[in-house]
Protein backbone atom coordinates (compact mmCIF):
# COMPACT_ATOMS: atom_id res chain seq x y z
CA UNK A 1 -0.02 0.06 0.12
CA UNK A 2 1.45 3.21 -1.01
CA UNK A 3 0.41 6.83 0.40
CA UNK A 4 -0.99 7.80 -3.05
CA UNK A 5 -3.82 5.17 -2.84
CA UNK A 6 -7.19 6.73 -2.97
CA UNK A 7 -8.53 4.78 0.23
CA UNK A 8 -8.07 4.72 3.88
CA UNK A 9 -4.26 5.88 3.83
CA UNK A 10 -5.10 8.95 1.80
CA UNK A 11 -7.81 9.77 4.32
CA UNK A 12 -5.41 9.41 7.15
CA UNK A 13 -2.76 11.38 5.75
CA UNK A 14 -5.24 14.23 4.97
CA UNK A 15 -6.54 14.05 8.36
CA UNK A 16 -3.03 14.29 9.94
CA UNK A 17 -1.96 17.03 7.53
CA UNK A 18 -5.01 18.97 8.42
CA UNK A 19 -4.45 18.70 12.24
CA UNK A 20 -0.88 19.66 11.91
CA UNK A 21 -1.82 22.59 9.96
CA UNK A 22 -3.88 23.97 12.62
CA UNK A 23 -2.11 22.60 15.65
CA UNK A 24 1.69 21.80 15.19
CA UNK A 25 4.57 24.09 15.24
CA UNK A 26 6.32 24.77 12.02
CA UNK A 27 8.88 22.16 12.49
CA UNK A 28 6.52 19.46 13.15
CA UNK A 29 4.19 20.59 10.15
CA UNK A 30 7.08 20.57 7.70
CA UNK A 31 8.48 17.17 8.91
CA UNK A 32 4.89 15.56 8.91
CA UNK A 33 4.45 17.03 5.20
CA UNK A 34 7.70 15.74 3.90
CA UNK A 35 6.93 12.12 5.45
CA UNK A 36 3.65 11.75 4.08
CA UNK A 37 4.35 13.29 0.64
CA UNK A 38 3.10 10.69 -1.93
CA UNK A 39 6.16 11.11 -4.05
CA UNK A 40 8.42 10.38 -0.99
CA UNK A 41 10.55 7.16 -1.04
CA UNK A 42 10.27 6.98 2.66
CA UNK A 43 8.48 4.17 4.41
CA UNK A 44 6.26 5.58 7.06
CA UNK A 45 4.91 3.25 9.97
CA UNK A 46 1.77 4.30 11.66
CA UNK A 47 1.23 3.14 15.22
CA UNK A 48 -2.14 3.85 16.99
CA UNK A 49 -1.67 3.14 20.61
CA UNK A 50 -5.16 1.53 21.85
CA UNK A 51 -4.34 -0.93 24.52
CA UNK A 52 -7.18 -2.20 26.41
CA UNK A 53 -7.91 -0.31 29.52
CA UNK A 54 -7.76 -3.37 31.73
CA UNK A 55 -4.63 -4.77 30.00
CA UNK A 56 -1.77 -4.59 32.35
CA UNK A 57 1.09 -2.37 31.09
CA UNK A 58 3.46 -5.27 31.67
CA UNK A 59 2.27 -6.58 28.15
CA UNK A 60 3.34 -3.64 26.41
CA UNK A 61 7.23 -4.49 25.95
CA UNK A 62 6.69 -7.79 24.45
CA UNK A 63 4.07 -6.62 22.26
CA UNK A 64 6.29 -3.70 20.93
CA UNK A 65 9.05 -6.10 20.48
CA UNK A 66 7.18 -8.44 18.10
CA UNK A 67 5.80 -5.42 16.27
CA UNK A 68 9.24 -3.90 15.92
CA UNK A 69 10.81 -7.11 14.67
CA UNK A 70 8.06 -6.77 11.60
CA UNK A 71 8.49 -3.12 11.03
CA UNK A 72 12.57 -2.91 10.37
CA UNK A 73 11.89 -1.50 6.67
CA UNK A 74 10.43 1.71 8.04
CA UNK A 75 12.45 4.98 8.25
CA UNK A 76 10.17 7.16 10.46
CA UNK A 77 7.16 6.06 12.83
CA UNK A 78 4.21 8.10 13.68
CA UNK A 79 2.70 7.02 17.05
CA UNK A 80 -0.78 8.59 17.93
CA UNK A 81 -1.32 8.56 21.60
CA UNK A 82 -4.33 9.57 23.50
CA UNK A 83 -3.98 12.34 25.97
CA UNK A 84 -6.46 14.59 28.19
CA UNK A 85 -6.33 18.23 28.81
CA UNK A 86 -8.09 20.38 31.18
CA UNK A 87 -10.47 22.72 29.52
CA UNK A 88 -12.06 25.93 30.85
CA UNK A 89 -15.81 25.80 31.91
CA UNK A 90 -17.05 27.87 28.86
CA UNK A 91 -15.59 25.46 26.35
CA UNK A 92 -18.11 23.38 24.36
CA UNK A 93 -16.83 19.54 24.74
CA UNK A 94 -17.89 18.64 20.91
CA UNK A 95 -16.19 21.63 19.01
CA UNK A 96 -12.73 21.73 17.65
CA UNK A 97 -10.72 24.73 18.92
CA UNK A 98 -7.14 25.37 17.31
CA UNK A 99 -4.53 26.38 19.56
CA UNK A 100 -3.18 29.12 17.36
CA UNK A 101 -6.25 31.04 16.73
CA UNK A 102 -8.41 30.51 19.67
CA UNK A 103 -9.15 33.34 22.12
CA UNK A 104 -7.95 32.68 25.51
CA UNK A 105 -11.30 31.54 27.03
CA UNK A 106 -11.62 28.75 24.46
CA UNK A 107 -8.19 27.13 24.70
CA UNK A 108 -7.43 23.93 26.65
CA UNK A 109 -5.41 24.83 29.43
CA UNK A 110 -2.70 23.33 31.57
CA UNK A 111 -0.66 20.39 31.02
CA UNK A 112 -1.38 17.15 29.20
CA UNK A 113 -1.88 13.82 30.97
CA UNK A 114 -1.04 10.67 29.14
CA UNK A 115 -3.91 7.95 29.47
CA UNK A 116 -1.18 5.27 29.20
CA UNK A 117 2.04 5.55 31.25
CA UNK A 118 4.24 3.98 28.59
CA UNK A 119 3.55 6.97 26.20
CA UNK A 120 5.22 9.21 28.69
CA UNK A 121 8.40 7.27 28.72
CA UNK A 122 8.50 7.53 24.73
CA UNK A 123 8.15 11.20 24.70
CA UNK A 124 11.94 12.18 25.40
CA UNK A 125 12.76 9.89 22.22
CA UNK A 126 10.60 11.75 19.59
CA UNK A 127 12.20 13.82 16.77
CA UNK A 128 9.24 16.08 16.92
CA UNK A 129 5.59 16.08 18.14
CA UNK A 130 2.24 17.99 18.04
CA UNK A 131 -1.22 17.60 19.96
CA UNK A 132 -4.53 18.16 18.49
CA UNK A 133 -7.91 17.95 19.45
CA UNK A 134 -10.59 15.54 18.14
CA UNK A 135 -12.78 17.19 15.68
CA UNK A 136 -16.04 15.39 16.69
CA UNK A 137 -15.54 13.58 19.72
CA UNK A 138 -18.76 12.72 21.36
CA UNK A 139 -18.90 9.33 22.88
CA UNK A 140 -21.27 7.60 25.37
CA UNK A 141 -19.71 7.19 28.69
CA UNK A 142 -17.89 3.89 29.19
CA UNK A 143 -15.23 2.45 31.45
CA UNK A 144 -12.63 3.55 28.47
CA UNK A 145 -13.64 7.30 28.98
CA UNK A 146 -13.40 7.87 32.53
CA UNK A 147 -13.05 11.60 31.83
CA UNK A 148 -16.32 12.19 29.88
CA UNK A 149 -18.34 13.89 32.48
CA UNK A 150 -15.28 16.08 33.85
CA UNK A 151 -13.69 19.11 32.40
CA UNK A 152 -11.07 17.35 30.31
CA UNK A 153 -10.89 17.23 26.71
CA UNK A 154 -9.68 14.23 24.90
CA UNK A 155 -6.86 14.92 22.50
CA UNK A 156 -4.43 13.07 20.54
CA UNK A 157 -0.42 13.44 20.50
CA UNK A 158 1.23 12.49 17.22
CA UNK A 159 4.79 11.54 17.76
CA UNK A 160 7.27 11.45 15.08
CA UNK A 161 10.04 8.88 15.61
CA UNK A 162 13.20 8.11 13.88
CA UNK A 163 13.81 4.34 13.28
CA UNK A 164 17.09 4.39 15.13
CA UNK A 165 15.09 5.26 18.22
CA UNK A 166 12.90 2.25 17.88
CA UNK A 167 14.53 -0.12 20.33
CA UNK A 168 14.96 2.66 22.65
CA UNK A 169 11.31 2.84 22.70
CA UNK A 170 11.01 -1.05 23.58
CA UNK A 171 13.73 -0.62 26.34
CA UNK A 172 12.28 2.27 28.24
CA UNK A 173 8.95 0.80 29.26
CA UNK A 174 10.65 -2.76 29.80
CA UNK A 175 13.04 -1.25 32.17
CA UNK A 176 10.31 0.95 33.97
CA UNK A 177 8.04 -2.14 34.26
CA UNK A 178 10.45 -4.71 35.32
CA UNK A 179 9.29 -6.53 38.30
CA UNK A 180 12.00 -7.81 40.68
């Protein structure tokens, strides 16, 4: 499958490029645009971290190792990680507010919290990243979305990771989660 396909890959590419236009800094925008250019000869891996809520974090390192062994031909990885950010009470929980053009009262405030601890361990290894708000995020409250009734906005953080840091991403959670 190539990035110039008309189907799902094109939709993902267009979605991420649109989000980067609205939410990313110049470096992340340029890096992502270069990586996702259909004429690029780079192989890009898309990692979407949606580990089950009740799945213990100790399962992450072996799963990462198996995945990374299969994806060694990739030059860069995009990891989409869920994060939560506090919002001001006046903000509509469904709308999309860009960081750059929003008025102060409409911006998400405070620092982002990772939904999964292993993603925080990966952050220092990324080449660049940006965080974006979901366009139409309105889901019924369930055990996966413990923040649905609070004043926290669900966002995603897009990490751009060079292939040379791949095994460091595996070893960090493995070392942090080691049981003695």
